[in-house]
Amino acid sequence: MWPGILTGAGKPPLTDGGFRLRPGQAINITAPKGWSGRFWGRRGCTFNGFGHGKCITGDCGGKLRCAGAGGIPPASLAEFTLDSPEGDFYDVSLVDGYNMPVSIIPSRGSGQCKTVKCRSDLNRNCPTGLELRNKDRVVGCKSACMAFNKPEYCCTGDFNSPNKCQPSSYSKVFKASCPQAYSYAYDDATSTFTCHGADYIIRFC
């Protein structure tokens, strides 16, 4: 699979935003102090010798190295904001939908430092109307916001507050599959985690 990385404003991109991982392979990435951004997995990719091609899920504009482009939803996200006064903030998010299991595993940190897992194969349990298919196979599960573009699912317009934007029947399916992950935009209470001075393993499967 092919991880993609999108860096927040003001910080340099990591590994030019994308690379290939072979089965069982791991690489070390060092982020600068105060880095924020997201990682996601791309699957079913084909690239030529110039790094041009496409991916079935998580594509970032047909490039191996995303270089500032985000992944096309649906894509499972591992998100980080490092070195804030309260420590590092991290989460697994399905707000942009789901394409593969992902976990964040802290090590050598202090504080709560919980492992955050989304190991369920939500593609097998994707609600009707949210499925992304490739050759009759479900390869991703869209968010209700992406599928229907309604304010009550996107937490926009009159629903742009935690009190007014509540879990939907669709986000509840996501939450049941991955209880620690963001299932919709205002799912902060059970989905944001903190740790001080840790290293993090991001695991895709």
N, C-alpha and C. Protein backbone atom coordinates (compact mmCIF):
# COMPACT_ATOMS: atom_id res chain seq x y z
N MET A 1 0.84 -1.18 0.00
CA MET A 1 0.00 0.00 0.00
C MET A 1 0.89 1.24 0.00
N TRP A 2 0.25 2.39 -0.23
CA TRP A 2 0.99 3.62 -0.48
C TRP A 2 0.49 4.72 0.46
N PRO A 3 1.17 4.97 1.59
CA PRO A 3 0.73 6.04 2.49
C PRO A 3 0.83 7.41 1.81
N GLY A 4 -0.10 8.28 2.16
CA GLY A 4 -0.05 9.68 1.77
C GLY A 4 0.04 10.54 3.02
N ILE A 5 0.66 11.71 2.91
CA ILE A 5 0.83 12.61 4.04
C ILE A 5 0.48 14.03 3.60
N LEU A 6 -0.38 14.70 4.36
CA LEU A 6 -0.70 16.11 4.13
C LEU A 6 -0.28 16.89 5.36
N THR A 7 0.61 17.86 5.18
CA THR A 7 1.13 18.68 6.27
C THR A 7 0.32 19.96 6.41
N GLY A 8 0.08 20.38 7.67
CA GLY A 8 -0.61 21.63 7.92
C GLY A 8 0.21 22.83 7.48
N ALA A 9 -0.44 23.98 7.45
CA ALA A 9 0.20 25.19 6.95
C ALA A 9 1.43 25.56 7.77
N GLY A 10 2.46 26.03 7.09
CA GLY A 10 3.63 26.57 7.77
C GLY A 10 4.72 25.57 8.11
N LYS A 11 4.52 24.31 7.80
CA LYS A 11 5.54 23.30 8.10
C LYS A 11 5.93 22.56 6.82
N PRO A 12 7.16 22.07 6.76
CA PRO A 12 7.60 21.38 5.54
C PRO A 12 6.91 20.03 5.40
N PRO A 13 6.66 19.58 4.17
CA PRO A 13 6.06 18.26 3.96
C PRO A 13 7.02 17.16 4.38
N LEU A 14 6.46 16.04 4.79
CA LEU A 14 7.25 14.87 5.16
C LEU A 14 7.32 13.92 3.97
N THR A 15 8.52 13.47 3.64
CA THR A 15 8.78 12.52 2.55
C THR A 15 8.08 12.92 1.24
N ASP A 16 7.97 14.23 1.01
CA ASP A 16 7.29 14.75 -0.20
C ASP A 16 5.85 14.29 -0.30
N GLY A 17 5.29 13.84 0.81
CA GLY A 17 3.86 13.57 0.85
C GLY A 17 3.41 12.19 0.45
N GLY A 18 4.32 11.25 0.18
CA GLY A 18 3.86 9.93 -0.18
C GLY A 18 4.98 8.98 -0.54
N PHE A 19 4.71 7.68 -0.38
CA PHE A 19 5.72 6.66 -0.67
C PHE A 19 5.02 5.30 -0.72
N ARG A 20 5.79 4.27 -1.05
CA ARG A 20 5.26 2.91 -1.10
C ARG A 20 5.74 2.11 0.10
N LEU A 21 4.85 1.29 0.67
CA LEU A 21 5.21 0.32 1.69
C LEU A 21 4.89 -1.08 1.19
N ARG A 22 5.86 -1.95 1.21
CA ARG A 22 5.61 -3.35 0.87
C ARG A 22 5.05 -4.07 2.09
N PRO A 23 4.44 -5.23 1.91
CA PRO A 23 3.87 -5.95 3.05
C PRO A 23 4.89 -6.17 4.16
N GLY A 24 4.53 -5.76 5.38
CA GLY A 24 5.40 -5.92 6.54
C GLY A 24 6.49 -4.89 6.67
N GLN A 25 6.63 -4.00 5.70
CA GLN A 25 7.69 -3.00 5.74
C GLN A 25 7.32 -1.83 6.64
N ALA A 26 8.32 -1.21 7.27
CA ALA A 26 8.12 0.00 8.08
C ALA A 26 9.23 0.97 7.75
N ILE A 27 8.94 2.27 7.82
CA ILE A 27 9.97 3.29 7.68
C ILE A 27 9.85 4.28 8.84
N ASN A 28 10.95 4.93 9.17
CA ASN A 28 10.97 5.95 10.21
C ASN A 28 10.87 7.33 9.58
N ILE A 29 10.01 8.17 10.14
CA ILE A 29 9.83 9.55 9.68
C ILE A 29 9.98 10.47 10.88
N THR A 30 10.81 11.49 10.76
CA THR A 30 11.00 12.46 11.83
C THR A 30 10.28 13.75 11.46
N ALA A 31 9.34 14.16 12.32
CA ALA A 31 8.58 15.38 12.08
C ALA A 31 9.22 16.54 12.85
N PRO A 32 9.24 17.75 12.29
CA PRO A 32 9.78 18.90 13.01
C PRO A 32 8.87 19.29 14.17
N LYS A 33 9.41 20.04 15.10
CA LYS A 33 8.64 20.47 16.27
C LYS A 33 7.43 21.28 15.83
N GLY A 34 6.30 20.98 16.44
CA GLY A 34 5.07 21.70 16.12
C GLY A 34 4.36 21.23 14.88
N TRP A 35 4.78 20.07 14.33
CA TRP A 35 4.18 19.60 13.08
C TRP A 35 2.72 19.21 13.32
N SER A 36 1.89 19.44 12.31
CA SER A 36 0.51 18.93 12.31
C SER A 36 0.17 18.45 10.91
N GLY A 37 -0.72 17.49 10.86
CA GLY A 37 -1.13 16.98 9.56
C GLY A 37 -1.79 15.62 9.69
N ARG A 38 -1.91 14.95 8.56
CA ARG A 38 -2.63 13.68 8.50
C ARG A 38 -1.91 12.68 7.62
N PHE A 39 -2.09 11.42 7.95
CA PHE A 39 -1.61 10.29 7.17
C PHE A 39 -2.82 9.47 6.73
N TRP A 40 -2.75 8.90 5.55
CA TRP A 40 -3.80 7.97 5.12
C TRP A 40 -3.17 6.92 4.21
N GLY A 41 -3.88 5.83 4.04
CA GLY A 41 -3.39 4.76 3.19
C GLY A 41 -4.07 4.78 1.83
N ARG A 42 -3.28 4.59 0.79
CA ARG A 42 -3.81 4.43 -0.57
C ARG A 42 -3.67 2.97 -0.97
N ARG A 43 -4.63 2.52 -1.72
CA ARG A 43 -4.63 1.10 -2.09
C ARG A 43 -4.93 0.96 -3.57
N GLY A 44 -4.39 -0.12 -4.16
CA GLY A 44 -4.65 -0.39 -5.58
C GLY A 44 -3.99 0.63 -6.49
N CYS A 45 -2.76 1.02 -6.16
CA CYS A 45 -2.08 2.07 -6.93
C CYS A 45 -1.20 1.48 -8.03
N THR A 46 -1.08 2.23 -9.11
CA THR A 46 -0.15 1.91 -10.19
C THR A 46 0.54 3.20 -10.60
N PHE A 47 1.87 3.23 -10.49
CA PHE A 47 2.64 4.42 -10.85
C PHE A 47 3.72 4.03 -11.86
N ASN A 48 4.02 4.96 -12.76
CA ASN A 48 5.13 4.74 -13.69
C ASN A 48 6.44 5.22 -13.08
N GLY A 49 7.51 5.17 -13.84
CA GLY A 49 8.83 5.54 -13.32
C GLY A 49 8.95 7.00 -12.95
N PHE A 50 8.01 7.83 -13.38
CA PHE A 50 8.02 9.25 -13.04
C PHE A 50 7.11 9.56 -11.85
N GLY A 51 6.52 8.52 -11.24
CA GLY A 51 5.64 8.73 -10.10
C GLY A 51 4.26 9.22 -10.46
N HIS A 52 3.83 8.97 -11.71
CA HIS A 52 2.49 9.34 -12.14
C HIS A 52 1.64 8.08 -12.30
N GLY A 53 0.38 8.17 -11.91
CA GLY A 53 -0.51 7.02 -12.00
C GLY A 53 -1.81 7.29 -11.31
N LYS A 54 -2.33 6.28 -10.63
CA LYS A 54 -3.59 6.47 -9.91
C LYS A 54 -3.75 5.37 -8.88
N CYS A 55 -4.64 5.63 -7.91
CA CYS A 55 -4.96 4.67 -6.85
C CYS A 55 -6.47 4.45 -6.83
N ILE A 56 -6.89 3.26 -6.46
CA ILE A 56 -8.31 2.96 -6.36
C ILE A 56 -8.94 3.74 -5.22
N THR A 57 -8.25 3.83 -4.07
CA THR A 57 -8.73 4.65 -2.95
C THR A 57 -7.60 5.52 -2.43
N GLY A 58 -7.95 6.70 -1.94
CA GLY A 58 -7.00 7.62 -1.32
C GLY A 58 -6.13 8.38 -2.31
N ASP A 59 -6.46 8.35 -3.59
CA ASP A 59 -5.63 9.00 -4.60
C ASP A 59 -5.47 10.49 -4.31
N CYS A 60 -4.28 11.03 -4.62
CA CYS A 60 -4.01 12.45 -4.33
C CYS A 60 -3.65 13.20 -5.60
N GLY A 61 -4.39 12.96 -6.66
CA GLY A 61 -4.14 13.66 -7.90
C GLY A 61 -3.26 12.91 -8.87
N GLY A 62 -3.17 11.59 -8.69
CA GLY A 62 -2.42 10.79 -9.64
C GLY A 62 -0.92 10.84 -9.47
N LYS A 63 -0.45 11.12 -8.24
CA LYS A 63 0.99 11.22 -7.99
C LYS A 63 1.40 10.31 -6.84
N LEU A 64 2.59 9.72 -6.96
CA LEU A 64 3.13 8.93 -5.85
C LEU A 64 3.41 9.83 -4.65
N ARG A 65 4.03 10.98 -4.89
CA ARG A 65 4.34 11.94 -3.82
C ARG A 65 3.30 13.05 -3.86
N CYS A 66 2.43 13.05 -2.86
CA CYS A 66 1.25 13.92 -2.89
C CYS A 66 1.62 15.41 -2.85
N ALA A 67 2.75 15.76 -2.20
CA ALA A 67 3.32 17.11 -2.28
C ALA A 67 2.28 18.21 -2.05
N GLY A 68 1.54 18.09 -0.94
CA GLY A 68 0.58 19.14 -0.57
C GLY A 68 -0.85 18.86 -0.95
N ALA A 69 -1.11 17.77 -1.64
CA ALA A 69 -2.49 17.40 -2.00
C ALA A 69 -3.02 16.38 -1.01
N GLY A 70 -4.29 16.50 -0.66
CA GLY A 70 -4.93 15.55 0.22
C GLY A 70 -5.46 14.35 -0.54
N GLY A 71 -5.86 13.34 0.20
CA GLY A 71 -6.42 12.14 -0.40
C GLY A 71 -7.88 12.32 -0.73
N ILE A 72 -8.30 11.78 -1.87
CA ILE A 72 -9.71 11.83 -2.25
C ILE A 72 -10.49 10.88 -1.35
N PRO A 73 -11.53 11.38 -0.66
CA PRO A 73 -12.33 10.49 0.18
C PRO A 73 -13.05 9.44 -0.66
N PRO A 74 -13.40 8.31 -0.04
CA PRO A 74 -13.22 7.98 1.38
C PRO A 74 -11.80 7.51 1.70
N ALA A 75 -11.32 7.96 2.87
CA ALA A 75 -9.99 7.56 3.32
C ALA A 75 -9.93 7.62 4.84
N SER A 76 -9.47 6.55 5.45
CA SER A 76 -9.25 6.52 6.90
C SER A 76 -8.02 7.37 7.22
N LEU A 77 -8.12 8.23 8.24
CA LEU A 77 -7.06 9.19 8.54
C LEU A 77 -6.45 8.96 9.92
N ALA A 78 -5.13 9.16 10.01
CA ALA A 78 -4.44 9.29 11.30
C ALA A 78 -3.96 10.74 11.38
N GLU A 79 -4.47 11.49 12.36
CA GLU A 79 -4.24 12.93 12.44
C GLU A 79 -3.43 13.29 13.67
N PHE A 80 -2.55 14.30 13.53
CA PHE A 80 -1.66 14.70 14.62
C PHE A 80 -1.53 16.22 14.69
N THR A 81 -1.46 16.73 15.93
CA THR A 81 -0.97 18.08 16.21
C THR A 81 0.05 17.92 17.32
N LEU A 82 1.33 18.13 17.01
CA LEU A 82 2.41 17.82 17.94
C LEU A 82 2.88 19.05 18.71
N ASP A 83 3.33 18.81 19.95
CA ASP A 83 4.07 19.80 20.74
C ASP A 83 3.25 21.02 21.14
N SER A 84 1.95 20.86 21.33
CA SER A 84 1.18 21.95 21.92
C SER A 84 1.46 21.98 23.42
N PRO A 85 1.10 23.07 24.14
CA PRO A 85 1.34 23.11 25.59
C PRO A 85 0.73 21.94 26.35
N GLU A 86 -0.38 21.42 25.84
CA GLU A 86 -1.04 20.29 26.51
C GLU A 86 -0.45 18.95 26.08
N GLY A 87 0.48 18.96 25.16
CA GLY A 87 1.08 17.74 24.64
C GLY A 87 0.72 17.53 23.18
N ASP A 88 0.91 16.32 22.72
CA ASP A 88 0.51 15.96 21.35
C ASP A 88 -0.96 15.57 21.35
N PHE A 89 -1.67 16.01 20.33
CA PHE A 89 -3.04 15.55 20.10
C PHE A 89 -3.03 14.62 18.90
N TYR A 90 -3.77 13.52 18.98
CA TYR A 90 -3.82 12.59 17.86
C TYR A 90 -5.17 11.89 17.83
N ASP A 91 -5.56 11.44 16.66
CA ASP A 91 -6.84 10.75 16.52
C ASP A 91 -6.85 9.95 15.23
N VAL A 92 -7.74 8.98 15.19
CA VAL A 92 -8.11 8.29 13.95
C VAL A 92 -9.46 8.84 13.55
N SER A 93 -9.58 9.27 12.30
CA SER A 93 -10.81 9.93 11.84
C SER A 93 -11.42 9.20 10.65
N LEU A 94 -12.73 8.99 10.75
CA LEU A 94 -13.51 8.46 9.63
C LEU A 94 -14.47 9.53 9.10
N VAL A 95 -14.20 10.81 9.45
CA VAL A 95 -15.04 11.90 8.98
C VAL A 95 -15.01 11.99 7.46
N ASP A 96 -13.86 11.65 6.86
CA ASP A 96 -13.75 11.59 5.39
C ASP A 96 -14.06 10.21 4.85
N GLY A 97 -14.70 9.37 5.66
CA GLY A 97 -15.01 8.02 5.23
C GLY A 97 -13.92 7.04 5.60
N TYR A 98 -14.04 5.83 5.09
CA TYR A 98 -13.17 4.71 5.48
C TYR A 98 -12.72 3.96 4.23
N ASN A 99 -11.41 3.61 4.20
CA ASN A 99 -10.96 2.71 3.12
C ASN A 99 -10.13 1.53 3.62
N MET A 100 -9.56 1.64 4.85
CA MET A 100 -8.79 0.53 5.39
C MET A 100 -8.60 0.71 6.89
N PRO A 101 -8.31 -0.37 7.63
CA PRO A 101 -8.02 -0.25 9.06
C PRO A 101 -6.73 0.54 9.30
N VAL A 102 -6.71 1.31 10.39
CA VAL A 102 -5.52 2.08 10.77
C VAL A 102 -5.49 2.21 12.29
N SER A 103 -4.27 2.15 12.84
CA SER A 103 -4.08 2.30 14.29
C SER A 103 -2.93 3.27 14.55
N ILE A 104 -2.99 3.96 15.70
CA ILE A 104 -1.90 4.81 16.19
C ILE A 104 -1.44 4.25 17.53
N ILE A 105 -0.15 3.93 17.63
CA ILE A 105 0.39 3.28 18.83
C ILE A 105 1.51 4.15 19.39
N PRO A 106 1.28 4.86 20.53
CA PRO A 106 2.34 5.68 21.12
C PRO A 106 3.36 4.82 21.86
N SER A 107 4.60 5.31 21.91
CA SER A 107 5.63 4.64 22.71
C SER A 107 6.54 5.70 23.32
N ARG A 108 7.07 5.38 24.52
CA ARG A 108 8.03 6.24 25.22
C ARG A 108 7.49 7.64 25.50
N GLY A 109 6.20 7.76 25.72
CA GLY A 109 5.62 9.05 26.07
C GLY A 109 5.11 9.05 27.50
N SER A 110 4.63 10.19 27.94
CA SER A 110 4.05 10.30 29.28
C SER A 110 2.64 10.87 29.16
N GLY A 111 1.80 10.53 30.15
CA GLY A 111 0.40 10.93 30.12
C GLY A 111 -0.48 9.74 29.81
N GLN A 112 -1.64 10.01 29.24
CA GLN A 112 -2.57 8.91 28.95
C GLN A 112 -2.05 8.00 27.83
N CYS A 113 -1.64 8.57 26.72
CA CYS A 113 -0.92 7.85 25.66
C CYS A 113 -1.60 6.54 25.24
N LYS A 114 -2.88 6.61 24.95
CA LYS A 114 -3.61 5.40 24.59
C LYS A 114 -3.38 5.00 23.13
N THR A 115 -3.34 3.71 22.90
CA THR A 115 -3.38 3.20 21.54
C THR A 115 -4.77 3.40 20.97
N VAL A 116 -4.84 3.94 19.76
CA VAL A 116 -6.13 4.21 19.11
C VAL A 116 -6.24 3.28 17.91
N LYS A 117 -7.29 2.49 17.88
CA LYS A 117 -7.41 1.45 16.86
C LYS A 117 -8.71 1.59 16.08
N CYS A 118 -8.60 1.38 14.78
CA CYS A 118 -9.77 1.11 13.95
C CYS A 118 -9.41 -0.10 13.11
N ARG A 119 -9.67 -1.27 13.64
CA ARG A 119 -9.26 -2.52 13.00
C ARG A 119 -10.38 -3.20 12.24
N SER A 120 -11.61 -2.76 12.44
CA SER A 120 -12.73 -3.42 11.77
C SER A 120 -12.69 -3.15 10.27
N ASP A 121 -13.16 -4.11 9.49
CA ASP A 121 -13.28 -3.92 8.05
C ASP A 121 -14.66 -3.34 7.77
N LEU A 122 -14.74 -2.01 7.81
CA LEU A 122 -16.03 -1.35 7.63
C LEU A 122 -16.56 -1.51 6.21
N ASN A 123 -15.69 -1.83 5.28
CA ASN A 123 -16.16 -2.07 3.91
C ASN A 123 -17.15 -3.23 3.85
N ARG A 124 -17.02 -4.17 4.78
CA ARG A 124 -17.94 -5.31 4.80
C ARG A 124 -19.27 -4.96 5.47
N ASN A 125 -19.30 -3.83 6.19
CA ASN A 125 -20.49 -3.46 6.94
C ASN A 125 -20.94 -2.05 6.58
N CYS A 126 -20.63 -1.62 5.36
CA CYS A 126 -20.92 -0.25 4.94
C CYS A 126 -22.42 -0.09 4.67
N PRO A 127 -23.04 0.95 5.26
CA PRO A 127 -24.48 1.16 5.03
C PRO A 127 -24.80 1.37 3.56
N THR A 128 -25.97 0.92 3.17
CA THR A 128 -26.44 1.08 1.79
C THR A 128 -26.45 2.56 1.42
N GLY A 129 -25.89 2.87 0.27
CA GLY A 129 -25.82 4.24 -0.21
C GLY A 129 -24.48 4.90 0.04
N LEU A 130 -23.64 4.28 0.88
CA LEU A 130 -22.32 4.84 1.18
C LEU A 130 -21.19 4.07 0.51
N GLU A 131 -21.49 2.96 -0.13
CA GLU A 131 -20.44 2.09 -0.67
C GLU A 131 -19.72 2.74 -1.85
N LEU A 132 -18.39 2.65 -1.85
CA LEU A 132 -17.58 2.95 -3.03
C LEU A 132 -17.17 1.61 -3.62
N ARG A 133 -17.52 1.38 -4.88
CA ARG A 133 -17.28 0.08 -5.49
C ARG A 133 -16.25 0.18 -6.62
N ASN A 134 -15.50 -0.88 -6.76
CA ASN A 134 -14.59 -1.04 -7.89
C ASN A 134 -14.74 -2.47 -8.40
N LYS A 135 -15.27 -2.58 -9.61
CA LYS A 135 -15.52 -3.91 -10.20
C LYS A 135 -16.37 -4.76 -9.27
N ASP A 136 -17.47 -4.18 -8.81
CA ASP A 136 -18.47 -4.85 -7.97
C ASP A 136 -17.95 -5.23 -6.58
N ARG A 137 -16.79 -4.72 -6.20
CA ARG A 137 -16.26 -4.97 -4.85
C ARG A 137 -16.26 -3.65 -4.08
N VAL A 138 -16.72 -3.69 -2.82
CA VAL A 138 -16.71 -2.49 -1.98
C VAL A 138 -15.28 -2.23 -1.53
N VAL A 139 -14.71 -1.10 -1.94
CA VAL A 139 -13.33 -0.76 -1.61
C VAL A 139 -13.25 0.43 -0.65
N GLY A 140 -14.38 1.06 -0.37
CA GLY A 140 -14.40 2.17 0.56
C GLY A 140 -15.82 2.44 1.02
N CYS A 141 -15.93 3.13 2.15
CA CYS A 141 -17.24 3.47 2.72
C CYS A 141 -17.28 4.98 2.91
N LYS A 142 -18.12 5.66 2.13
CA LYS A 142 -18.19 7.11 2.17
C LYS A 142 -18.82 7.58 3.48
N SER A 143 -18.49 8.79 3.88
CA SER A 143 -19.24 9.43 4.96
C SER A 143 -20.60 9.84 4.43
N ALA A 144 -21.57 10.00 5.34
CA ALA A 144 -22.89 10.46 4.91
C ALA A 144 -22.81 11.86 4.32
N CYS A 145 -21.89 12.69 4.84
CA CYS A 145 -21.71 14.03 4.28
C CYS A 145 -21.29 13.94 2.82
N MET A 146 -20.31 13.10 2.53
CA MET A 146 -19.83 12.95 1.15
C MET A 146 -20.93 12.38 0.24
N ALA A 147 -21.67 11.41 0.75
CA ALA A 147 -22.66 10.72 -0.08
C ALA A 147 -23.89 11.57 -0.36
N PHE A 148 -24.34 12.35 0.65
CA PHE A 148 -25.63 13.05 0.52
C PHE A 148 -25.52 14.57 0.56
N ASN A 149 -24.37 15.10 1.04
CA ASN A 149 -24.11 16.54 1.06
C ASN A 149 -25.25 17.33 1.72
N LYS A 150 -25.69 16.86 2.88
CA LYS A 150 -26.74 17.56 3.62
C LYS A 150 -26.16 18.16 4.89
N PRO A 151 -26.61 19.37 5.28
CA PRO A 151 -26.04 20.05 6.46
C PRO A 151 -26.08 19.22 7.73
N GLU A 152 -27.13 18.43 7.92
CA GLU A 152 -27.24 17.64 9.14
C GLU A 152 -26.19 16.54 9.21
N TYR A 153 -25.65 16.11 8.07
CA TYR A 153 -24.58 15.14 8.05
C TYR A 153 -23.20 15.79 8.02
N CYS A 154 -23.11 16.98 7.40
CA CYS A 154 -21.82 17.68 7.26
C CYS A 154 -21.54 18.64 8.41
N CYS A 155 -22.51 18.84 9.31
CA CYS A 155 -22.37 19.80 10.42
C CYS A 155 -22.06 21.19 9.89
N THR A 156 -22.81 21.62 8.89
CA THR A 156 -22.67 22.94 8.30
C THR A 156 -23.99 23.70 8.39
N GLY A 157 -23.94 24.99 8.04
CA GLY A 157 -25.15 25.80 8.04
C GLY A 157 -25.80 25.85 9.41
N ASP A 158 -27.08 25.57 9.48
CA ASP A 158 -27.82 25.59 10.75
C ASP A 158 -27.37 24.50 11.71
N PHE A 159 -26.58 23.56 11.23
CA PHE A 159 -26.13 22.43 12.07
C PHE A 159 -24.65 22.57 12.47
N ASN A 160 -24.12 23.77 12.37
CA ASN A 160 -22.69 24.00 12.62
C ASN A 160 -22.41 24.26 14.10
N SER A 161 -22.80 23.31 14.96
CA SER A 161 -22.47 23.37 16.38
C SER A 161 -22.65 21.98 16.97
N PRO A 162 -21.93 21.67 18.07
CA PRO A 162 -22.06 20.34 18.66
C PRO A 162 -23.46 20.02 19.13
N ASN A 163 -24.20 21.04 19.58
CA ASN A 163 -25.55 20.78 20.08
C ASN A 163 -26.53 20.43 18.96
N LYS A 164 -26.32 21.04 17.79
CA LYS A 164 -27.27 20.84 16.69
C LYS A 164 -26.88 19.70 15.77
N CYS A 165 -25.59 19.39 15.68
CA CYS A 165 -25.15 18.30 14.80
C CYS A 165 -24.92 17.05 15.66
N GLN A 166 -25.85 16.15 15.60
CA GLN A 166 -25.83 14.96 16.43
C GLN A 166 -25.47 13.73 15.59
N PRO A 167 -25.10 12.63 16.25
CA PRO A 167 -24.80 11.41 15.49
C PRO A 167 -26.00 10.97 14.64
N SER A 168 -25.72 10.54 13.43
CA SER A 168 -26.76 10.04 12.54
C SER A 168 -26.75 8.52 12.56
N SER A 169 -27.74 7.94 11.92
CA SER A 169 -27.77 6.47 11.83
C SER A 169 -26.53 5.96 11.09
N TYR A 170 -26.01 6.76 10.16
CA TYR A 170 -24.82 6.35 9.42
C TYR A 170 -23.57 6.44 10.29
N SER A 171 -23.39 7.57 10.99
CA SER A 171 -22.19 7.72 11.82
C SER A 171 -22.20 6.71 12.97
N LYS A 172 -23.38 6.30 13.41
CA LYS A 172 -23.46 5.31 14.49
C LYS A 172 -22.92 3.95 14.03
N VAL A 173 -23.09 3.63 12.75
CA VAL A 173 -22.50 2.40 12.21
C VAL A 173 -20.98 2.50 12.25
N PHE A 174 -20.43 3.66 11.86
CA PHE A 174 -18.99 3.88 11.93
C PHE A 174 -18.50 3.75 13.37
N LYS A 175 -19.23 4.35 14.30
CA LYS A 175 -18.82 4.34 15.71
C LYS A 175 -18.87 2.94 16.28
N ALA A 176 -19.86 2.17 15.91
CA ALA A 176 -19.96 0.80 16.40
C ALA A 176 -18.80 -0.05 15.91
N SER A 177 -18.34 0.21 14.67
CA SER A 177 -17.22 -0.55 14.12
C SER A 177 -15.89 -0.12 14.71
N CYS A 178 -15.73 1.19 14.95
CA CYS A 178 -14.46 1.74 15.45
C CYS A 178 -14.77 2.75 16.55
N PRO A 179 -15.00 2.28 17.80
CA PRO A 179 -15.46 3.16 18.88
C PRO A 179 -14.50 4.29 19.23
N GLN A 180 -13.20 4.16 18.95
CA GLN A 180 -12.25 5.20 19.29
C GLN A 180 -12.07 6.25 18.20
N ALA A 181 -12.64 6.03 17.03
CA ALA A 181 -12.42 6.91 15.89
C ALA A 181 -13.50 7.97 15.80
N TYR A 182 -13.13 9.12 15.22
CA TYR A 182 -14.12 10.14 14.88
C TYR A 182 -15.10 9.55 13.86
N SER A 183 -16.38 9.60 14.19
CA SER A 183 -17.39 9.09 13.26
C SER A 183 -18.13 10.22 12.55
N TYR A 184 -18.06 11.45 13.09
CA TYR A 184 -18.59 12.64 12.44
C TYR A 184 -17.88 13.84 13.07
N ALA A 185 -18.13 15.05 12.56
CA ALA A 185 -17.28 16.20 12.85
C ALA A 185 -17.18 16.56 14.33
N TYR A 186 -18.26 16.39 15.10
CA TYR A 186 -18.25 16.81 16.50
C TYR A 186 -18.15 15.62 17.47
N ASP A 187 -17.44 14.61 17.07
CA ASP A 187 -17.29 13.41 17.88
C ASP A 187 -16.04 13.50 18.78
N ASP A 188 -15.77 14.70 19.33
CA ASP A 188 -14.52 14.94 20.05
C ASP A 188 -14.40 14.16 21.36
N ALA A 189 -15.50 14.04 22.09
CA ALA A 189 -15.42 13.56 23.47
C ALA A 189 -14.77 12.18 23.60
N THR A 190 -15.00 11.31 22.63
CA THR A 190 -14.48 9.94 22.73
C THR A 190 -13.40 9.65 21.68
N SER A 191 -12.91 10.70 21.00
CA SER A 191 -12.08 10.43 19.83
C SER A 191 -10.79 11.23 19.75
N THR A 192 -10.53 12.14 20.69
CA THR A 192 -9.28 12.91 20.71
C THR A 192 -8.42 12.42 21.87
N PHE A 193 -7.14 12.19 21.60
CA PHE A 193 -6.24 11.60 22.60
C PHE A 193 -4.98 12.46 22.70
N THR A 194 -4.33 12.40 23.88
CA THR A 194 -3.14 13.21 24.13
C THR A 194 -2.01 12.37 24.71
N CYS A 195 -0.79 12.85 24.46
CA CYS A 195 0.41 12.20 24.99
C CYS A 195 1.54 13.22 24.93
N HIS A 196 2.50 13.13 25.85
CA HIS A 196 3.65 14.04 25.87
C HIS A 196 4.91 13.30 25.42
N GLY A 197 5.60 13.87 24.42
CA GLY A 197 6.94 13.41 24.06
C GLY A 197 7.04 11.99 23.58
N ALA A 198 6.06 11.52 22.83
CA ALA A 198 6.06 10.13 22.39
C ALA A 198 6.55 9.99 20.96
N ASP A 199 6.94 8.76 20.62
CA ASP A 199 7.03 8.34 19.22
C ASP A 199 5.72 7.62 18.91
N TYR A 200 5.35 7.60 17.62
CA TYR A 200 4.07 7.00 17.24
C TYR A 200 4.28 6.03 16.09
N ILE A 201 3.69 4.85 16.23
CA ILE A 201 3.61 3.89 15.14
C ILE A 201 2.24 4.05 14.49
N ILE A 202 2.23 4.29 13.20
CA ILE A 202 0.98 4.31 12.43
C ILE A 202 0.94 3.01 11.64
N ARG A 203 -0.08 2.23 11.89
CA ARG A 203 -0.15 0.90 11.29
C ARG A 203 -1.36 0.81 10.38
N PHE A 204 -1.15 0.47 9.12
CA PHE A 204 -2.23 0.22 8.17
C PHE A 204 -2.32 -1.28 7.90
N CYS A 205 -3.53 -1.75 7.65
CA CYS A 205 -3.65 -3.17 7.29
C CYS A 205 -4.89 -3.36 6.44
